[in-house]
Every structure is written in C-alpha cells, then in structure tokens.
Amino acid sequence: MAKYYVSQTHVEYIDGHLSCREVVLTRADSRVKDSDGTKYKNVKLFMHKLRALGIPNLHINEYEKKRYNKLIREQNKRHKERKLTVADLAKMTEEADKELSDNHRKENR
C-alpha cells in the first residue's frame, strides 16, 4: 500500500535569481501511528482543508523514502537555531534606537 504526504512549494525571486524550495507539511514515514492517515483519500481531504485555510502551492506526493528524507534534512538545516552574537545584539539595539528617535520626531511635529 502506497503512502502519501502533502508538501508546499515556495518560489521566490531574490537578487535577480529564482529561488525554489519544497517544504513537507505532513508526515508519511514509519512514525505515523495511524496508517490510514497516509492513504491518498485522507491526504487529499487534508490538503483541501489546508487550501481552505488559504495555504497556496500544495501538492500530494507519493512517499519515496530517499526523496522524503532529503526534503526533511533540508528543512532541518533551515530551521536550525542560530545563536545570537554580540554584533547581532548591537545591530538590533541600534535599529531600535533609530526607530524610537524617528517616532519621537514625528510626534513632536
């Protein structure tokens, strides 16, 4: 029996180049406790619910272990937490001070 999952495709135009990435929204691997949840009919119903919420560019994909795991690894790399450095904090403080001073000037006019 084939398993299916829902993914979303993001296409962006950044600095003169197209940037594309695919994000897995539902699980289709062995960690799924309810095997009926990965059947095509149920995945299709769930995809329609996501579309009703306004989520664009959704696709139903058949589970292929190699491709699915590759997508999950890419997602994990993007979602890794990056530790704040002193330089980051200094930049954030500078931007906040600039915004506060701009807002203060607008109020005094």
N, C-alpha and C. Protein backbone atom coordinates (compact mmCIF):
# COMPACT_ATOMS: atom_id res chain seq x y z
N MET A 1 0.84 -1.18 0.00
CA MET A 1 0.00 0.00 0.00
C MET A 1 0.89 1.25 0.00
N ALA A 2 0.61 2.16 -0.90
CA ALA A 2 1.41 3.37 -1.03
C ALA A 2 1.01 4.39 0.04
N LYS A 3 2.00 5.15 0.48
CA LYS A 3 1.77 6.24 1.43
C LYS A 3 1.93 7.56 0.70
N TYR A 4 1.24 8.60 1.19
CA TYR A 4 1.28 9.91 0.57
C TYR A 4 1.50 10.98 1.63
N TYR A 5 2.01 12.13 1.18
CA TYR A 5 2.19 13.27 2.07
C TYR A 5 1.93 14.56 1.29
N VAL A 6 1.70 15.64 2.04
CA VAL A 6 1.43 16.95 1.44
C VAL A 6 2.68 17.81 1.57
N SER A 7 3.03 18.49 0.49
CA SER A 7 4.16 19.42 0.53
C SER A 7 3.74 20.75 -0.09
N GLN A 8 4.50 21.77 0.20
CA GLN A 8 4.24 23.10 -0.34
C GLN A 8 5.50 23.58 -1.05
N THR A 9 5.32 24.21 -2.20
CA THR A 9 6.43 24.72 -2.97
C THR A 9 6.48 26.24 -2.83
N HIS A 10 7.66 26.76 -2.49
CA HIS A 10 7.89 28.20 -2.39
C HIS A 10 8.79 28.62 -3.55
N VAL A 11 8.33 29.56 -4.36
CA VAL A 11 9.14 30.10 -5.45
C VAL A 11 9.28 31.59 -5.18
N GLU A 12 10.52 32.06 -5.07
CA GLU A 12 10.79 33.46 -4.77
C GLU A 12 11.81 34.02 -5.76
N TYR A 13 11.73 35.30 -6.00
CA TYR A 13 12.69 35.99 -6.86
C TYR A 13 13.57 36.84 -5.95
N ILE A 14 14.81 36.39 -5.73
CA ILE A 14 15.72 37.06 -4.80
C ILE A 14 16.99 37.46 -5.54
N ASP A 15 17.31 38.74 -5.49
CA ASP A 15 18.54 39.26 -6.09
C ASP A 15 18.71 38.83 -7.54
N GLY A 16 17.65 38.87 -8.32
CA GLY A 16 17.73 38.56 -9.73
C GLY A 16 17.74 37.08 -10.07
N HIS A 17 17.52 36.22 -9.08
CA HIS A 17 17.52 34.78 -9.31
C HIS A 17 16.28 34.14 -8.72
N LEU A 18 15.79 33.11 -9.38
CA LEU A 18 14.68 32.35 -8.83
C LEU A 18 15.18 31.43 -7.73
N SER A 19 14.47 31.39 -6.63
CA SER A 19 14.80 30.51 -5.53
C SER A 19 13.60 29.61 -5.27
N CYS A 20 13.80 28.30 -5.30
CA CYS A 20 12.71 27.35 -5.12
C CYS A 20 13.04 26.41 -3.97
N ARG A 21 12.03 26.10 -3.17
CA ARG A 21 12.21 25.10 -2.12
C ARG A 21 10.89 24.42 -1.85
N GLU A 22 10.97 23.19 -1.44
CA GLU A 22 9.79 22.39 -1.15
C GLU A 22 9.78 22.06 0.34
N VAL A 23 8.64 22.27 0.98
CA VAL A 23 8.50 22.05 2.41
C VAL A 23 7.48 20.95 2.64
N VAL A 24 7.84 19.95 3.42
CA VAL A 24 6.93 18.86 3.76
C VAL A 24 6.02 19.33 4.89
N LEU A 25 4.71 19.22 4.69
CA LEU A 25 3.75 19.67 5.70
C LEU A 25 3.15 18.53 6.51
N THR A 26 3.11 17.33 5.96
CA THR A 26 2.57 16.19 6.70
C THR A 26 3.58 15.06 6.72
N ARG A 27 3.42 14.16 7.63
CA ARG A 27 4.36 13.06 7.81
C ARG A 27 3.87 11.83 7.04
N ALA A 28 4.77 11.10 6.44
CA ALA A 28 4.40 9.89 5.70
C ALA A 28 5.36 8.75 5.94
N ASP A 29 6.19 8.86 6.95
CA ASP A 29 7.18 7.81 7.19
C ASP A 29 6.69 6.83 8.25
N SER A 30 7.58 6.04 8.78
CA SER A 30 7.19 4.98 9.71
C SER A 30 6.75 5.51 11.06
N ARG A 31 6.91 6.79 11.33
CA ARG A 31 6.50 7.36 12.61
C ARG A 31 4.99 7.63 12.69
N VAL A 32 4.30 7.49 11.58
CA VAL A 32 2.86 7.72 11.56
C VAL A 32 2.18 6.58 12.31
N LYS A 33 1.42 6.94 13.35
CA LYS A 33 0.76 5.92 14.15
C LYS A 33 -0.50 5.40 13.47
N ASP A 34 -1.21 6.27 12.77
CA ASP A 34 -2.43 5.88 12.08
C ASP A 34 -2.10 5.66 10.61
N SER A 35 -2.03 4.40 10.19
CA SER A 35 -1.65 4.13 8.80
C SER A 35 -2.71 4.61 7.82
N ASP A 36 -3.95 4.77 8.27
CA ASP A 36 -4.99 5.30 7.38
C ASP A 36 -4.75 6.77 7.06
N GLY A 37 -4.00 7.45 7.91
CA GLY A 37 -3.73 8.87 7.70
C GLY A 37 -2.87 9.14 6.49
N THR A 38 -2.17 8.14 5.98
CA THR A 38 -1.31 8.34 4.82
C THR A 38 -1.93 7.82 3.53
N LYS A 39 -3.18 7.36 3.60
CA LYS A 39 -3.87 6.91 2.39
C LYS A 39 -4.20 8.12 1.53
N TYR A 40 -4.23 7.91 0.22
CA TYR A 40 -4.43 9.01 -0.73
C TYR A 40 -5.71 9.78 -0.42
N LYS A 41 -6.80 9.09 -0.15
CA LYS A 41 -8.09 9.75 0.09
C LYS A 41 -8.01 10.71 1.29
N ASN A 42 -7.41 10.25 2.38
CA ASN A 42 -7.32 11.08 3.58
C ASN A 42 -6.35 12.25 3.41
N VAL A 43 -5.26 12.01 2.71
CA VAL A 43 -4.29 13.08 2.46
C VAL A 43 -4.91 14.14 1.56
N LYS A 44 -5.69 13.71 0.58
CA LYS A 44 -6.36 14.64 -0.32
C LYS A 44 -7.38 15.50 0.44
N LEU A 45 -8.14 14.89 1.35
CA LEU A 45 -9.08 15.65 2.17
C LEU A 45 -8.36 16.69 3.02
N PHE A 46 -7.23 16.28 3.62
CA PHE A 46 -6.46 17.21 4.45
C PHE A 46 -5.89 18.35 3.61
N MET A 47 -5.43 18.04 2.40
CA MET A 47 -4.90 19.09 1.52
C MET A 47 -5.99 20.12 1.20
N HIS A 48 -7.22 19.66 0.98
CA HIS A 48 -8.31 20.59 0.70
C HIS A 48 -8.61 21.47 1.91
N LYS A 49 -8.45 20.93 3.11
CA LYS A 49 -8.62 21.74 4.32
C LYS A 49 -7.54 22.82 4.40
N LEU A 50 -6.31 22.45 4.07
CA LEU A 50 -5.23 23.44 4.08
C LEU A 50 -5.46 24.53 3.04
N ARG A 51 -5.94 24.14 1.86
CA ARG A 51 -6.25 25.13 0.83
C ARG A 51 -7.36 26.07 1.28
N ALA A 52 -8.34 25.53 2.01
CA ALA A 52 -9.44 26.36 2.52
C ALA A 52 -8.93 27.38 3.52
N LEU A 53 -7.85 27.05 4.21
CA LEU A 53 -7.23 28.00 5.14
C LEU A 53 -6.43 29.08 4.41
N GLY A 54 -6.23 28.91 3.11
CA GLY A 54 -5.52 29.90 2.32
C GLY A 54 -4.06 29.59 2.07
N ILE A 55 -3.64 28.37 2.25
CA ILE A 55 -2.25 27.99 2.01
C ILE A 55 -2.11 27.62 0.54
N PRO A 56 -1.26 28.35 -0.21
CA PRO A 56 -1.14 28.11 -1.66
C PRO A 56 -0.07 27.06 -1.99
N ASN A 57 -0.04 26.66 -3.25
CA ASN A 57 1.00 25.79 -3.83
C ASN A 57 1.18 24.46 -3.09
N LEU A 58 0.08 23.76 -2.86
CA LEU A 58 0.13 22.47 -2.18
C LEU A 58 0.16 21.33 -3.18
N HIS A 59 0.84 20.24 -2.83
CA HIS A 59 0.96 19.09 -3.71
C HIS A 59 0.86 17.82 -2.89
N ILE A 60 0.27 16.79 -3.49
CA ILE A 60 0.27 15.46 -2.88
C ILE A 60 1.38 14.65 -3.56
N ASN A 61 2.24 14.05 -2.75
CA ASN A 61 3.36 13.27 -3.27
C ASN A 61 3.31 11.86 -2.71
N GLU A 62 3.69 10.91 -3.55
CA GLU A 62 3.81 9.54 -3.08
C GLU A 62 5.11 9.41 -2.30
N TYR A 63 5.04 8.71 -1.20
CA TYR A 63 6.19 8.56 -0.32
C TYR A 63 7.27 7.70 -0.97
N GLU A 64 8.42 8.33 -1.19
CA GLU A 64 9.64 7.64 -1.61
C GLU A 64 10.67 7.99 -0.55
N LYS A 65 11.15 7.00 0.15
CA LYS A 65 11.99 7.21 1.32
C LYS A 65 13.16 8.15 1.06
N LYS A 66 13.87 7.95 -0.04
CA LYS A 66 15.06 8.73 -0.34
C LYS A 66 14.72 10.22 -0.53
N ARG A 67 13.71 10.50 -1.34
CA ARG A 67 13.32 11.89 -1.62
C ARG A 67 12.74 12.56 -0.38
N TYR A 68 11.89 11.85 0.33
CA TYR A 68 11.25 12.39 1.53
C TYR A 68 12.30 12.75 2.58
N ASN A 69 13.24 11.84 2.83
CA ASN A 69 14.28 12.11 3.83
C ASN A 69 15.19 13.25 3.41
N LYS A 70 15.44 13.40 2.12
CA LYS A 70 16.25 14.52 1.62
C LYS A 70 15.55 15.85 1.92
N LEU A 71 14.24 15.90 1.67
CA LEU A 71 13.47 17.12 1.95
C LEU A 71 13.47 17.44 3.45
N ILE A 72 13.32 16.43 4.27
CA ILE A 72 13.32 16.63 5.72
C ILE A 72 14.68 17.14 6.20
N ARG A 73 15.78 16.59 5.67
CA ARG A 73 17.12 17.06 6.05
C ARG A 73 17.31 18.53 5.67
N GLU A 74 16.85 18.92 4.47
CA GLU A 74 16.96 20.31 4.04
C GLU A 74 16.18 21.22 4.97
N GLN A 75 14.97 20.80 5.35
CA GLN A 75 14.16 21.60 6.27
C GLN A 75 14.85 21.76 7.61
N ASN A 76 15.43 20.68 8.12
CA ASN A 76 16.11 20.75 9.41
C ASN A 76 17.27 21.72 9.38
N LYS A 77 17.99 21.78 8.26
CA LYS A 77 19.11 22.72 8.13
C LYS A 77 18.61 24.16 8.18
N ARG A 78 17.47 24.42 7.51
CA ARG A 78 16.92 25.78 7.50
C ARG A 78 16.38 26.19 8.87
N HIS A 79 15.91 25.23 9.65
CA HIS A 79 15.28 25.55 10.93
C HIS A 79 16.23 25.48 12.12
N LYS A 80 17.50 25.23 11.86
CA LYS A 80 18.46 25.19 12.96
C LYS A 80 18.52 26.56 13.63
N GLU A 81 18.62 26.54 14.93
CA GLU A 81 18.71 27.80 15.66
C GLU A 81 20.12 28.36 15.51
N ARG A 82 20.15 29.66 15.26
CA ARG A 82 21.44 30.33 15.15
C ARG A 82 21.60 31.18 16.40
N LYS A 83 22.71 31.02 17.09
CA LYS A 83 22.92 31.74 18.34
C LYS A 83 23.18 33.21 18.05
N LEU A 84 22.62 34.07 18.92
CA LEU A 84 22.84 35.50 18.79
C LEU A 84 24.26 35.84 19.23
N THR A 85 24.86 36.74 18.47
CA THR A 85 26.20 37.21 18.82
C THR A 85 26.07 38.63 19.37
N VAL A 86 27.16 39.12 19.93
CA VAL A 86 27.17 40.49 20.46
C VAL A 86 26.93 41.48 19.32
N ALA A 87 27.46 41.19 18.15
CA ALA A 87 27.27 42.07 16.99
C ALA A 87 25.79 42.13 16.60
N ASP A 88 25.10 40.98 16.66
CA ASP A 88 23.68 40.96 16.35
C ASP A 88 22.89 41.81 17.33
N LEU A 89 23.20 41.69 18.61
CA LEU A 89 22.51 42.49 19.63
C LEU A 89 22.78 43.98 19.45
N ALA A 90 24.01 44.33 19.11
CA ALA A 90 24.36 45.73 18.90
C ALA A 90 23.57 46.30 17.72
N LYS A 91 23.47 45.53 16.65
CA LYS A 91 22.73 45.97 15.48
C LYS A 91 21.24 46.14 15.80
N MET A 92 20.66 45.19 16.55
CA MET A 92 19.25 45.28 16.92
C MET A 92 19.00 46.50 17.82
N THR A 93 19.90 46.77 18.75
CA THR A 93 19.77 47.92 19.63
C THR A 93 19.85 49.22 18.84
N GLU A 94 20.77 49.27 17.90
CA GLU A 94 20.92 50.46 17.05
C GLU A 94 19.65 50.72 16.23
N GLU A 95 19.08 49.66 15.65
CA GLU A 95 17.85 49.82 14.87
C GLU A 95 16.69 50.26 15.74
N ALA A 96 16.59 49.72 16.94
CA ALA A 96 15.52 50.10 17.85
C ALA A 96 15.65 51.56 18.26
N ASP A 97 16.88 51.99 18.57
CA ASP A 97 17.10 53.40 18.93
C ASP A 97 16.73 54.33 17.79
N LYS A 98 17.07 53.94 16.56
CA LYS A 98 16.77 54.75 15.39
C LYS A 98 15.25 54.87 15.21
N GLU A 99 14.53 53.74 15.34
CA GLU A 99 13.07 53.77 15.19
C GLU A 99 12.42 54.62 16.28
N LEU A 100 12.89 54.49 17.51
CA LEU A 100 12.32 55.27 18.60
C LEU A 100 12.55 56.76 18.40
N SER A 101 13.74 57.12 17.91
CA SER A 101 14.02 58.54 17.68
C SER A 101 13.19 59.07 16.51
N ASP A 102 12.97 58.26 15.48
CA ASP A 102 12.13 58.67 14.35
C ASP A 102 10.68 58.85 14.80
N ASN A 103 10.18 57.95 15.61
CA ASN A 103 8.80 58.07 16.10
C ASN A 103 8.64 59.28 17.00
N HIS A 104 9.66 59.58 17.81
CA HIS A 104 9.62 60.73 18.70
C HIS A 104 9.59 62.03 17.90
N ARG A 105 10.35 62.10 16.80
CA ARG A 105 10.36 63.28 15.94
C ARG A 105 9.00 63.49 15.28
N LYS A 106 8.36 62.42 14.84
CA LYS A 106 7.05 62.51 14.17
C LYS A 106 5.99 63.01 15.15
N GLU A 107 6.06 62.61 16.42
CA GLU A 107 5.08 63.02 17.41
C GLU A 107 5.23 64.51 17.76
N ASN A 108 6.43 65.05 17.70
CA ASN A 108 6.67 66.43 18.06
C ASN A 108 6.31 67.41 16.95
N ARG A 109 6.00 66.94 15.77
CA ARG A 109 5.67 67.84 14.66
C ARG A 109 4.34 68.44 14.82
